[in-house]
Amino acid sequence: MIERTAPRLADLHLLRRPNARLAEALEAARTVIPKGYALLCAPAALLLRRVDELSLEDLTGLASPYEARFFAAEAEVRWVEVENSAGQAVLLAEEAPQMLVGWTGLDAPRRVLGLDRTYLVTPQLVEDVMGLGSGIPAIDPETQRLAAAAREYLAEVDNFGNVALLAERLTGFVGVKIGDKLPPRLEVADDWSPLLR
């Protein structure tokens, strides 16, 4: 079941690799989060696998992939195609990740406020997600729904105390009771900026 958590302070580490191929993003994911999940998007298909079970043949068999997200509780490696199968890759983590060859750090770790969120998995994908095996919660379809868990990061963006959504990363999958209220969205009046100082 989903655990209700209060916003918490964290240090967000960001690494990037420009002109990265999808296979290079997969290699980084295998290094940082080998037991994570892979979500690959293409115009005619959506592929969901375990990172350690994803092969290069899976990548080449997917026609024109344009986005990939490799994620686990510890980190996310994200890749977006820019041009001719080359793209931008970024690694987001709260703990300092090991430095990867060809990747560079984006500034110093950023002090952020982390908020846990969920996104319901569409009924068409539930069977695919359940087929991923360990780490996927068993759900009773009569009383529960499957959701992707995510963490949003808020940060102060200027000298006036304005706070904005800096990043979001997927962290895994959780069960949500039907009828459960999801964590409330932030109200405009909420002032998180003192927490980030």
N, C-alpha and C. Protein backbone atom coordinates (compact mmCIF):
# COMPACT_ATOMS: atom_id res chain seq x y z
N MET A 1 0.82 -1.18 0.00
CA MET A 1 0.00 0.00 0.00
C MET A 1 0.87 1.25 0.00
N ILE A 2 0.31 2.32 -0.47
CA ILE A 2 1.08 3.56 -0.53
C ILE A 2 1.25 4.14 0.86
N GLU A 3 2.44 4.59 1.15
CA GLU A 3 2.74 5.18 2.44
C GLU A 3 2.69 6.70 2.29
N ARG A 4 1.91 7.33 3.14
CA ARG A 4 1.80 8.78 3.10
C ARG A 4 3.05 9.38 3.76
N THR A 5 3.78 10.17 3.05
CA THR A 5 5.00 10.75 3.61
C THR A 5 4.94 12.26 3.51
N ALA A 6 5.50 12.90 4.49
CA ALA A 6 5.56 14.35 4.49
C ALA A 6 6.69 14.81 3.57
N PRO A 7 6.61 16.03 3.06
CA PRO A 7 7.72 16.56 2.26
C PRO A 7 9.00 16.50 3.09
N ARG A 8 10.12 16.23 2.41
CA ARG A 8 11.39 16.15 3.14
C ARG A 8 12.50 16.78 2.33
N LEU A 9 13.48 17.30 3.04
CA LEU A 9 14.62 17.91 2.39
C LEU A 9 15.57 16.84 1.86
N ALA A 10 16.16 17.12 0.72
CA ALA A 10 17.11 16.18 0.11
C ALA A 10 18.11 16.98 -0.72
N ASP A 11 19.22 16.34 -1.06
CA ASP A 11 20.18 16.91 -1.99
C ASP A 11 20.01 16.16 -3.31
N LEU A 12 19.71 16.89 -4.38
CA LEU A 12 19.51 16.26 -5.68
C LEU A 12 20.79 16.35 -6.49
N HIS A 13 21.31 15.20 -6.89
CA HIS A 13 22.51 15.11 -7.72
C HIS A 13 22.08 14.89 -9.16
N LEU A 14 22.67 15.64 -10.07
CA LEU A 14 22.35 15.53 -11.49
C LEU A 14 23.61 15.32 -12.30
N LEU A 15 23.62 14.27 -13.11
CA LEU A 15 24.70 14.04 -14.06
C LEU A 15 24.08 14.07 -15.45
N ARG A 16 24.83 14.51 -16.44
CA ARG A 16 24.28 14.50 -17.80
C ARG A 16 25.32 14.00 -18.79
N ARG A 17 24.79 13.52 -19.91
CA ARG A 17 25.65 13.10 -21.00
C ARG A 17 25.00 13.58 -22.30
N PRO A 18 25.61 14.59 -22.93
CA PRO A 18 25.07 15.05 -24.21
C PRO A 18 25.45 14.08 -25.33
N ASN A 19 24.73 14.13 -26.41
CA ASN A 19 24.99 13.27 -27.58
C ASN A 19 25.07 11.80 -27.20
N ALA A 20 24.20 11.36 -26.31
CA ALA A 20 24.21 9.97 -25.86
C ALA A 20 23.29 9.12 -26.73
N ARG A 21 23.71 7.92 -26.99
CA ARG A 21 22.87 6.93 -27.66
C ARG A 21 22.04 6.22 -26.58
N LEU A 22 20.94 5.64 -26.98
CA LEU A 22 20.08 4.92 -26.05
C LEU A 22 20.85 3.79 -25.36
N ALA A 23 21.69 3.10 -26.08
CA ALA A 23 22.48 2.01 -25.50
C ALA A 23 23.41 2.52 -24.40
N GLU A 24 23.91 3.75 -24.52
CA GLU A 24 24.78 4.33 -23.47
C GLU A 24 23.97 4.65 -22.22
N ALA A 25 22.73 5.11 -22.41
CA ALA A 25 21.86 5.36 -21.25
C ALA A 25 21.53 4.05 -20.55
N LEU A 26 21.27 2.99 -21.32
CA LEU A 26 21.01 1.67 -20.74
C LEU A 26 22.22 1.18 -19.97
N GLU A 27 23.41 1.37 -20.50
CA GLU A 27 24.63 0.93 -19.81
C GLU A 27 24.78 1.66 -18.47
N ALA A 28 24.49 2.96 -18.45
CA ALA A 28 24.54 3.71 -17.19
C ALA A 28 23.51 3.17 -16.20
N ALA A 29 22.31 2.87 -16.69
CA ALA A 29 21.27 2.31 -15.81
C ALA A 29 21.69 0.96 -15.24
N ARG A 30 22.31 0.13 -16.07
CA ARG A 30 22.77 -1.17 -15.58
C ARG A 30 23.82 -1.02 -14.49
N THR A 31 24.62 0.05 -14.56
CA THR A 31 25.65 0.30 -13.57
C THR A 31 25.06 0.84 -12.27
N VAL A 32 24.13 1.79 -12.38
CA VAL A 32 23.60 2.50 -11.21
C VAL A 32 22.41 1.79 -10.58
N ILE A 33 21.49 1.28 -11.39
CA ILE A 33 20.27 0.65 -10.88
C ILE A 33 19.96 -0.65 -11.63
N PRO A 34 20.79 -1.66 -11.49
CA PRO A 34 20.61 -2.89 -12.26
C PRO A 34 19.29 -3.60 -12.00
N LYS A 35 18.71 -3.43 -10.84
CA LYS A 35 17.45 -4.10 -10.51
C LYS A 35 16.24 -3.18 -10.73
N GLY A 36 16.44 -2.11 -11.48
CA GLY A 36 15.36 -1.17 -11.72
C GLY A 36 14.46 -1.58 -12.88
N TYR A 37 13.63 -0.65 -13.28
CA TYR A 37 12.67 -0.86 -14.36
C TYR A 37 13.04 0.01 -15.55
N ALA A 38 12.64 -0.44 -16.74
CA ALA A 38 12.90 0.32 -17.97
C ALA A 38 11.57 0.57 -18.67
N LEU A 39 11.32 1.82 -19.02
CA LEU A 39 10.13 2.21 -19.77
C LEU A 39 10.61 2.92 -21.02
N LEU A 40 10.39 2.31 -22.19
CA LEU A 40 10.85 2.89 -23.45
C LEU A 40 9.64 3.25 -24.31
N CYS A 41 9.67 4.44 -24.89
CA CYS A 41 8.56 4.95 -25.70
C CYS A 41 8.99 5.09 -27.15
N ALA A 42 8.12 4.60 -28.04
CA ALA A 42 8.30 4.73 -29.48
C ALA A 42 6.94 5.09 -30.06
N PRO A 43 6.89 5.62 -31.29
CA PRO A 43 5.60 6.02 -31.85
C PRO A 43 4.55 4.91 -31.87
N ALA A 44 4.95 3.67 -32.10
CA ALA A 44 3.98 2.58 -32.22
C ALA A 44 4.02 1.59 -31.07
N ALA A 45 4.83 1.84 -30.03
CA ALA A 45 4.94 0.85 -28.96
C ALA A 45 5.42 1.48 -27.66
N LEU A 46 5.11 0.78 -26.58
CA LEU A 46 5.60 1.13 -25.26
C LEU A 46 6.18 -0.16 -24.69
N LEU A 47 7.45 -0.15 -24.31
CA LEU A 47 8.13 -1.35 -23.83
C LEU A 47 8.46 -1.19 -22.35
N LEU A 48 8.06 -2.16 -21.55
CA LEU A 48 8.31 -2.14 -20.12
C LEU A 48 9.05 -3.41 -19.75
N ARG A 49 10.26 -3.28 -19.15
CA ARG A 49 11.08 -4.43 -18.79
C ARG A 49 11.84 -4.13 -17.50
N ARG A 50 12.50 -5.16 -16.97
CA ARG A 50 13.46 -4.97 -15.89
C ARG A 50 14.76 -4.54 -16.56
N VAL A 51 15.51 -3.65 -15.93
CA VAL A 51 16.78 -3.18 -16.51
C VAL A 51 17.72 -4.35 -16.77
N ASP A 52 17.83 -5.27 -15.81
CA ASP A 52 18.77 -6.37 -15.97
C ASP A 52 18.31 -7.42 -16.99
N GLU A 53 17.07 -7.31 -17.47
CA GLU A 53 16.56 -8.25 -18.48
C GLU A 53 16.44 -7.60 -19.86
N LEU A 54 16.78 -6.34 -19.96
CA LEU A 54 16.66 -5.61 -21.23
C LEU A 54 17.93 -5.83 -22.04
N SER A 55 17.76 -6.23 -23.29
CA SER A 55 18.93 -6.50 -24.13
C SER A 55 19.06 -5.42 -25.21
N LEU A 56 20.22 -5.37 -25.81
CA LEU A 56 20.42 -4.44 -26.93
C LEU A 56 19.50 -4.81 -28.09
N GLU A 57 19.17 -6.10 -28.21
CA GLU A 57 18.23 -6.53 -29.27
C GLU A 57 16.85 -5.92 -29.03
N ASP A 58 16.45 -5.80 -27.74
CA ASP A 58 15.17 -5.15 -27.44
C ASP A 58 15.19 -3.71 -27.93
N LEU A 59 16.34 -3.05 -27.76
CA LEU A 59 16.45 -1.64 -28.19
C LEU A 59 16.39 -1.52 -29.70
N THR A 60 17.12 -2.39 -30.39
CA THR A 60 17.14 -2.31 -31.86
C THR A 60 15.84 -2.79 -32.47
N GLY A 61 15.11 -3.64 -31.73
CA GLY A 61 13.83 -4.13 -32.23
C GLY A 61 12.70 -3.13 -32.07
N LEU A 62 12.92 -2.08 -31.32
CA LEU A 62 11.91 -1.06 -31.09
C LEU A 62 12.10 0.04 -32.13
N ALA A 63 11.13 0.22 -33.01
CA ALA A 63 11.26 1.19 -34.10
C ALA A 63 11.19 2.63 -33.59
N SER A 64 12.24 3.39 -33.82
CA SER A 64 12.32 4.83 -33.53
C SER A 64 12.00 5.21 -32.08
N PRO A 65 12.70 4.62 -31.10
CA PRO A 65 12.45 5.05 -29.73
C PRO A 65 12.84 6.52 -29.56
N TYR A 66 12.02 7.27 -28.85
CA TYR A 66 12.32 8.70 -28.66
C TYR A 66 12.50 9.08 -27.20
N GLU A 67 12.15 8.18 -26.28
CA GLU A 67 12.34 8.47 -24.86
C GLU A 67 12.50 7.18 -24.09
N ALA A 68 13.34 7.21 -23.04
CA ALA A 68 13.52 6.05 -22.17
C ALA A 68 13.69 6.54 -20.74
N ARG A 69 13.10 5.80 -19.81
CA ARG A 69 13.26 6.08 -18.39
C ARG A 69 13.63 4.77 -17.71
N PHE A 70 14.80 4.76 -17.08
CA PHE A 70 15.28 3.61 -16.32
C PHE A 70 15.23 4.05 -14.87
N PHE A 71 14.45 3.37 -14.01
CA PHE A 71 14.23 3.92 -12.68
C PHE A 71 14.14 2.86 -11.60
N ALA A 72 14.46 3.29 -10.38
CA ALA A 72 14.35 2.50 -9.17
C ALA A 72 14.27 3.49 -8.01
N ALA A 73 14.14 2.98 -6.80
CA ALA A 73 14.03 3.86 -5.64
C ALA A 73 15.25 4.77 -5.50
N GLU A 74 16.44 4.27 -5.91
CA GLU A 74 17.68 5.02 -5.70
C GLU A 74 17.93 6.12 -6.72
N ALA A 75 17.52 5.92 -7.97
CA ALA A 75 17.90 6.88 -9.02
C ALA A 75 17.05 6.66 -10.26
N GLU A 76 17.16 7.60 -11.20
CA GLU A 76 16.56 7.46 -12.52
C GLU A 76 17.55 7.93 -13.57
N VAL A 77 17.65 7.16 -14.65
CA VAL A 77 18.40 7.57 -15.83
C VAL A 77 17.36 7.83 -16.90
N ARG A 78 17.38 9.03 -17.45
CA ARG A 78 16.39 9.43 -18.45
C ARG A 78 17.11 9.78 -19.75
N TRP A 79 16.55 9.35 -20.87
CA TRP A 79 17.13 9.64 -22.18
C TRP A 79 16.03 10.15 -23.10
N VAL A 80 16.32 11.22 -23.85
CA VAL A 80 15.38 11.77 -24.83
C VAL A 80 16.15 11.99 -26.13
N GLU A 81 15.60 11.46 -27.23
CA GLU A 81 16.25 11.64 -28.53
C GLU A 81 16.16 13.10 -28.95
N VAL A 82 17.27 13.61 -29.48
CA VAL A 82 17.30 14.97 -30.01
C VAL A 82 17.33 14.93 -31.53
N GLU A 83 18.26 14.10 -32.08
CA GLU A 83 18.38 14.03 -33.53
C GLU A 83 19.15 12.78 -33.94
N ASN A 84 18.66 12.08 -34.96
CA ASN A 84 19.35 10.91 -35.53
C ASN A 84 19.80 9.89 -34.49
N SER A 85 18.93 9.51 -33.61
CA SER A 85 19.18 8.49 -32.57
C SER A 85 20.15 8.94 -31.48
N ALA A 86 20.60 10.16 -31.52
CA ALA A 86 21.43 10.70 -30.43
C ALA A 86 20.54 11.61 -29.59
N GLY A 87 20.82 11.64 -28.30
CA GLY A 87 19.98 12.43 -27.43
C GLY A 87 20.69 12.93 -26.20
N GLN A 88 19.91 13.44 -25.28
CA GLN A 88 20.41 13.92 -24.00
C GLN A 88 20.06 12.88 -22.95
N ALA A 89 21.00 12.53 -22.11
CA ALA A 89 20.76 11.61 -21.00
C ALA A 89 21.06 12.34 -19.71
N VAL A 90 20.27 12.08 -18.69
CA VAL A 90 20.48 12.69 -17.39
C VAL A 90 20.24 11.63 -16.32
N LEU A 91 21.02 11.70 -15.25
CA LEU A 91 20.87 10.81 -14.11
C LEU A 91 20.47 11.67 -12.92
N LEU A 92 19.39 11.30 -12.24
CA LEU A 92 18.91 12.02 -11.06
C LEU A 92 18.98 11.08 -9.86
N ALA A 93 19.57 11.53 -8.76
CA ALA A 93 19.68 10.70 -7.56
C ALA A 93 19.81 11.57 -6.33
N GLU A 94 19.34 11.06 -5.19
CA GLU A 94 19.49 11.79 -3.94
C GLU A 94 20.83 11.48 -3.27
N GLU A 95 21.37 10.31 -3.51
CA GLU A 95 22.70 9.96 -3.02
C GLU A 95 23.69 10.20 -4.15
N ALA A 96 24.88 10.63 -3.81
CA ALA A 96 25.89 10.90 -4.84
C ALA A 96 26.17 9.63 -5.64
N PRO A 97 25.86 9.64 -6.94
CA PRO A 97 26.11 8.44 -7.75
C PRO A 97 27.59 8.34 -8.10
N GLN A 98 28.01 7.13 -8.44
CA GLN A 98 29.39 6.99 -8.91
C GLN A 98 29.53 7.74 -10.23
N MET A 99 30.70 8.32 -10.45
CA MET A 99 30.91 9.05 -11.70
C MET A 99 31.02 8.05 -12.84
N LEU A 100 30.32 8.33 -13.91
CA LEU A 100 30.31 7.46 -15.07
C LEU A 100 31.15 8.09 -16.18
N VAL A 101 31.85 7.26 -16.93
CA VAL A 101 32.69 7.76 -18.01
C VAL A 101 31.82 8.47 -19.04
N GLY A 102 32.22 9.69 -19.40
CA GLY A 102 31.48 10.46 -20.39
C GLY A 102 30.35 11.30 -19.83
N TRP A 103 30.09 11.18 -18.52
CA TRP A 103 29.03 11.94 -17.87
C TRP A 103 29.66 13.08 -17.07
N THR A 104 28.97 14.20 -16.97
CA THR A 104 29.46 15.33 -16.18
C THR A 104 28.40 15.74 -15.17
N GLY A 105 28.87 16.26 -14.04
CA GLY A 105 27.95 16.75 -13.02
C GLY A 105 27.39 18.11 -13.41
N LEU A 106 26.14 18.33 -13.07
CA LEU A 106 25.51 19.64 -13.30
C LEU A 106 25.56 20.41 -11.99
N ASP A 107 26.54 21.27 -11.86
CA ASP A 107 26.71 22.07 -10.65
C ASP A 107 26.87 21.18 -9.42
N ALA A 108 26.76 21.79 -8.26
CA ALA A 108 26.83 21.06 -7.00
C ALA A 108 25.45 20.45 -6.73
N PRO A 109 25.36 19.49 -5.81
CA PRO A 109 24.04 18.96 -5.47
C PRO A 109 23.11 20.11 -5.07
N ARG A 110 21.89 20.03 -5.48
CA ARG A 110 20.90 21.09 -5.25
C ARG A 110 20.03 20.72 -4.05
N ARG A 111 19.89 21.64 -3.09
CA ARG A 111 19.01 21.42 -1.93
C ARG A 111 17.58 21.55 -2.41
N VAL A 112 16.77 20.49 -2.22
CA VAL A 112 15.40 20.46 -2.73
C VAL A 112 14.46 19.92 -1.66
N LEU A 113 13.19 20.12 -1.91
CA LEU A 113 12.14 19.54 -1.08
C LEU A 113 11.52 18.42 -1.89
N GLY A 114 11.56 17.19 -1.39
CA GLY A 114 11.02 16.03 -2.11
C GLY A 114 9.61 15.70 -1.68
N LEU A 115 8.73 15.52 -2.66
CA LEU A 115 7.33 15.16 -2.41
C LEU A 115 7.02 13.86 -3.15
N ASP A 116 6.49 12.88 -2.43
CA ASP A 116 6.14 11.61 -3.07
C ASP A 116 4.76 11.72 -3.71
N ARG A 117 4.64 11.18 -4.93
CA ARG A 117 3.42 11.23 -5.71
C ARG A 117 3.16 9.86 -6.33
N THR A 118 1.94 9.67 -6.83
CA THR A 118 1.62 8.44 -7.56
C THR A 118 0.85 8.80 -8.82
N TYR A 119 0.99 7.94 -9.83
CA TYR A 119 0.25 8.05 -11.09
C TYR A 119 -0.37 6.68 -11.35
N LEU A 120 -1.68 6.62 -11.47
CA LEU A 120 -2.33 5.34 -11.72
C LEU A 120 -1.85 4.76 -13.04
N VAL A 121 -1.61 3.46 -13.05
CA VAL A 121 -1.20 2.74 -14.25
C VAL A 121 -2.48 2.41 -15.02
N THR A 122 -2.49 2.68 -16.32
CA THR A 122 -3.68 2.40 -17.12
C THR A 122 -3.96 0.90 -17.13
N PRO A 123 -5.23 0.51 -17.20
CA PRO A 123 -5.55 -0.92 -17.19
C PRO A 123 -4.82 -1.71 -18.28
N GLN A 124 -4.54 -1.08 -19.42
CA GLN A 124 -3.85 -1.78 -20.51
C GLN A 124 -2.43 -2.17 -20.13
N LEU A 125 -1.81 -1.46 -19.19
CA LEU A 125 -0.42 -1.74 -18.81
C LEU A 125 -0.27 -2.57 -17.54
N VAL A 126 -1.36 -2.77 -16.80
CA VAL A 126 -1.25 -3.47 -15.52
C VAL A 126 -0.65 -4.86 -15.70
N GLU A 127 -1.09 -5.61 -16.70
CA GLU A 127 -0.56 -6.96 -16.92
C GLU A 127 0.94 -6.92 -17.23
N ASP A 128 1.38 -5.95 -18.03
CA ASP A 128 2.80 -5.81 -18.34
C ASP A 128 3.61 -5.52 -17.08
N VAL A 129 3.09 -4.63 -16.23
CA VAL A 129 3.80 -4.27 -15.01
C VAL A 129 3.84 -5.47 -14.07
N MET A 130 2.72 -6.17 -13.91
CA MET A 130 2.69 -7.32 -13.00
C MET A 130 3.64 -8.41 -13.47
N GLY A 131 3.88 -8.48 -14.77
CA GLY A 131 4.80 -9.48 -15.32
C GLY A 131 6.26 -9.20 -15.05
N LEU A 132 6.56 -8.05 -14.45
CA LEU A 132 7.95 -7.70 -14.17
C LEU A 132 8.52 -8.48 -12.99
N GLY A 133 7.66 -9.10 -12.20
CA GLY A 133 8.15 -9.96 -11.12
C GLY A 133 8.43 -9.23 -9.83
N SER A 134 9.55 -9.57 -9.19
CA SER A 134 9.86 -9.09 -7.85
C SER A 134 9.86 -7.57 -7.77
N GLY A 135 9.39 -7.08 -6.64
CA GLY A 135 9.34 -5.64 -6.41
C GLY A 135 8.00 -5.02 -6.80
N ILE A 136 7.17 -5.75 -7.52
CA ILE A 136 5.85 -5.25 -7.89
C ILE A 136 4.86 -5.73 -6.83
N PRO A 137 4.11 -4.82 -6.22
CA PRO A 137 3.19 -5.25 -5.17
C PRO A 137 2.05 -6.08 -5.74
N ALA A 138 1.67 -7.12 -5.00
CA ALA A 138 0.49 -7.90 -5.39
C ALA A 138 -0.74 -7.06 -5.07
N ILE A 139 -1.65 -6.96 -6.01
CA ILE A 139 -2.86 -6.17 -5.77
C ILE A 139 -4.10 -7.01 -5.98
N ASP A 140 -5.14 -6.67 -5.25
CA ASP A 140 -6.46 -7.28 -5.44
C ASP A 140 -7.24 -6.34 -6.34
N PRO A 141 -7.55 -6.74 -7.59
CA PRO A 141 -8.19 -5.83 -8.53
C PRO A 141 -9.57 -5.34 -8.08
N GLU A 142 -10.16 -6.03 -7.10
CA GLU A 142 -11.46 -5.58 -6.59
C GLU A 142 -11.33 -4.39 -5.65
N THR A 143 -10.18 -4.29 -4.96
CA THR A 143 -10.04 -3.25 -3.94
C THR A 143 -8.85 -2.32 -4.15
N GLN A 144 -7.98 -2.64 -5.12
CA GLN A 144 -6.76 -1.86 -5.29
C GLN A 144 -6.48 -1.55 -6.75
N ARG A 145 -5.66 -0.55 -6.96
CA ARG A 145 -5.16 -0.20 -8.29
C ARG A 145 -3.64 -0.11 -8.21
N LEU A 146 -3.00 -0.33 -9.34
CA LEU A 146 -1.55 -0.24 -9.42
C LEU A 146 -1.17 1.19 -9.82
N ALA A 147 -0.15 1.72 -9.18
CA ALA A 147 0.29 3.09 -9.48
C ALA A 147 1.80 3.14 -9.61
N ALA A 148 2.27 4.03 -10.47
CA ALA A 148 3.70 4.33 -10.55
C ALA A 148 4.00 5.34 -9.45
N ALA A 149 5.05 5.08 -8.70
CA ALA A 149 5.45 6.01 -7.64
C ALA A 149 6.49 6.98 -8.21
N ALA A 150 6.40 8.22 -7.79
CA ALA A 150 7.33 9.24 -8.27
C ALA A 150 7.68 10.18 -7.13
N ARG A 151 8.78 10.88 -7.29
CA ARG A 151 9.16 11.92 -6.34
C ARG A 151 9.37 13.21 -7.12
N GLU A 152 8.68 14.26 -6.67
CA GLU A 152 8.84 15.59 -7.27
C GLU A 152 9.80 16.38 -6.40
N TYR A 153 10.61 17.22 -7.04
CA TYR A 153 11.59 18.03 -6.31
C TYR A 153 11.31 19.50 -6.54
N LEU A 154 11.09 20.22 -5.45
CA LEU A 154 10.87 21.66 -5.51
C LEU A 154 12.14 22.35 -5.05
N ALA A 155 12.44 23.49 -5.68
CA ALA A 155 13.63 24.24 -5.30
C ALA A 155 13.36 25.73 -5.44
N GLU A 156 14.06 26.49 -4.63
CA GLU A 156 13.98 27.95 -4.75
C GLU A 156 14.70 28.34 -6.04
N VAL A 157 14.05 29.18 -6.84
CA VAL A 157 14.58 29.47 -8.17
C VAL A 157 15.09 30.89 -8.36
N ASP A 158 14.93 31.74 -7.36
CA ASP A 158 15.44 33.10 -7.48
C ASP A 158 15.70 33.67 -6.09
N ASN A 159 16.07 34.93 -6.03
CA ASN A 159 16.38 35.58 -4.76
C ASN A 159 15.14 36.14 -4.07
N PHE A 160 13.96 35.89 -4.61
CA PHE A 160 12.73 36.43 -4.05
C PHE A 160 11.91 35.38 -3.32
N GLY A 161 12.45 34.17 -3.17
CA GLY A 161 11.75 33.12 -2.45
C GLY A 161 10.78 32.32 -3.29
N ASN A 162 10.79 32.51 -4.60
CA ASN A 162 9.90 31.73 -5.46
C ASN A 162 10.39 30.30 -5.56
N VAL A 163 9.47 29.36 -5.47
CA VAL A 163 9.77 27.94 -5.51
C VAL A 163 9.08 27.33 -6.72
N ALA A 164 9.78 26.45 -7.44
CA ALA A 164 9.20 25.81 -8.63
C ALA A 164 9.57 24.33 -8.64
N LEU A 165 8.85 23.59 -9.46
CA LEU A 165 9.16 22.18 -9.66
C LEU A 165 10.44 22.11 -10.49
N LEU A 166 11.49 21.55 -9.89
CA LEU A 166 12.79 21.45 -10.56
C LEU A 166 12.90 20.15 -11.37
N ALA A 167 12.42 19.06 -10.79
CA ALA A 167 12.54 17.76 -11.46
C ALA A 167 11.54 16.79 -10.85
N GLU A 168 11.35 15.70 -11.56
CA GLU A 168 10.52 14.61 -11.07
C GLU A 168 11.17 13.32 -11.56
N ARG A 169 11.13 12.29 -10.72
CA ARG A 169 11.67 11.01 -11.16
C ARG A 169 10.78 9.88 -10.68
N LEU A 170 10.68 8.84 -11.51
CA LEU A 170 9.93 7.65 -11.13
C LEU A 170 10.78 6.84 -10.15
N THR A 171 10.11 6.18 -9.18
CA THR A 171 10.84 5.42 -8.17
C THR A 171 10.43 3.96 -8.08
N GLY A 172 9.31 3.57 -8.69
CA GLY A 172 8.86 2.18 -8.63
C GLY A 172 7.36 2.08 -8.82
N PHE A 173 6.77 1.04 -8.24
CA PHE A 173 5.33 0.82 -8.34
C PHE A 173 4.77 0.54 -6.96
N VAL A 174 3.53 0.98 -6.70
CA VAL A 174 2.87 0.78 -5.42
C VAL A 174 1.41 0.41 -5.66
N GLY A 175 0.78 -0.18 -4.64
CA GLY A 175 -0.65 -0.44 -4.68
C GLY A 175 -1.38 0.71 -4.03
N VAL A 176 -2.52 1.09 -4.58
CA VAL A 176 -3.34 2.17 -4.03
C VAL A 176 -4.75 1.62 -3.84
N LYS A 177 -5.30 1.77 -2.62
CA LYS A 177 -6.66 1.31 -2.36
C LYS A 177 -7.65 2.14 -3.17
N ILE A 178 -8.65 1.47 -3.73
CA ILE A 178 -9.71 2.21 -4.42
C ILE A 178 -10.41 3.06 -3.37
N GLY A 179 -10.58 4.32 -3.66
CA GLY A 179 -11.21 5.24 -2.72
C GLY A 179 -10.22 5.99 -1.85
N ASP A 180 -8.95 5.55 -1.82
CA ASP A 180 -7.93 6.30 -1.07
C ASP A 180 -7.77 7.68 -1.68
N LYS A 181 -7.61 8.64 -0.82
CA LYS A 181 -7.29 9.97 -1.33
C LYS A 181 -5.80 10.03 -1.54
N LEU A 182 -5.40 10.51 -2.70
CA LEU A 182 -3.98 10.65 -2.97
C LEU A 182 -3.45 11.85 -2.20
N PRO A 183 -2.15 11.94 -1.97
CA PRO A 183 -1.60 13.09 -1.25
C PRO A 183 -2.04 14.38 -1.94
N PRO A 184 -2.39 15.39 -1.15
CA PRO A 184 -2.89 16.63 -1.75
C PRO A 184 -1.81 17.35 -2.54
N ARG A 185 -2.23 18.06 -3.57
CA ARG A 185 -1.31 18.89 -4.32
C ARG A 185 -0.96 20.10 -3.46
N LEU A 186 0.14 20.73 -3.75
CA LEU A 186 0.52 21.93 -3.01
C LEU A 186 -0.43 23.06 -3.32
N GLU A 187 -0.78 23.79 -2.31
CA GLU A 187 -1.61 24.98 -2.50
C GLU A 187 -0.71 26.14 -2.86
N VAL A 188 -1.25 27.09 -3.62
CA VAL A 188 -0.47 28.26 -4.02
C VAL A 188 0.04 29.01 -2.80
N ALA A 189 -0.74 28.99 -1.71
CA ALA A 189 -0.35 29.74 -0.52
C ALA A 189 0.75 29.06 0.28
N ASP A 190 0.99 27.78 0.03
CA ASP A 190 2.04 27.10 0.78
C ASP A 190 3.40 27.75 0.51
N ASP A 191 4.12 28.06 1.56
CA ASP A 191 5.43 28.69 1.41
C ASP A 191 6.51 27.71 1.87
N TRP A 192 7.17 27.10 0.90
CA TRP A 192 8.21 26.12 1.21
C TRP A 192 9.60 26.75 1.20
N SER A 193 9.72 27.99 0.75
CA SER A 193 11.05 28.56 0.57
C SER A 193 11.90 28.59 1.85
N PRO A 194 11.35 28.87 3.04
CA PRO A 194 12.22 28.85 4.23
C PRO A 194 12.85 27.49 4.49
N LEU A 195 12.18 26.41 4.09
CA LEU A 195 12.74 25.07 4.29
C LEU A 195 13.96 24.82 3.43
N LEU A 196 14.05 25.53 2.30
CA LEU A 196 15.12 25.28 1.35
C LEU A 196 16.37 26.12 1.62
N ARG A 197 16.31 26.98 2.59
CA ARG A 197 17.44 27.86 2.88
C ARG A 197 18.40 27.21 3.84
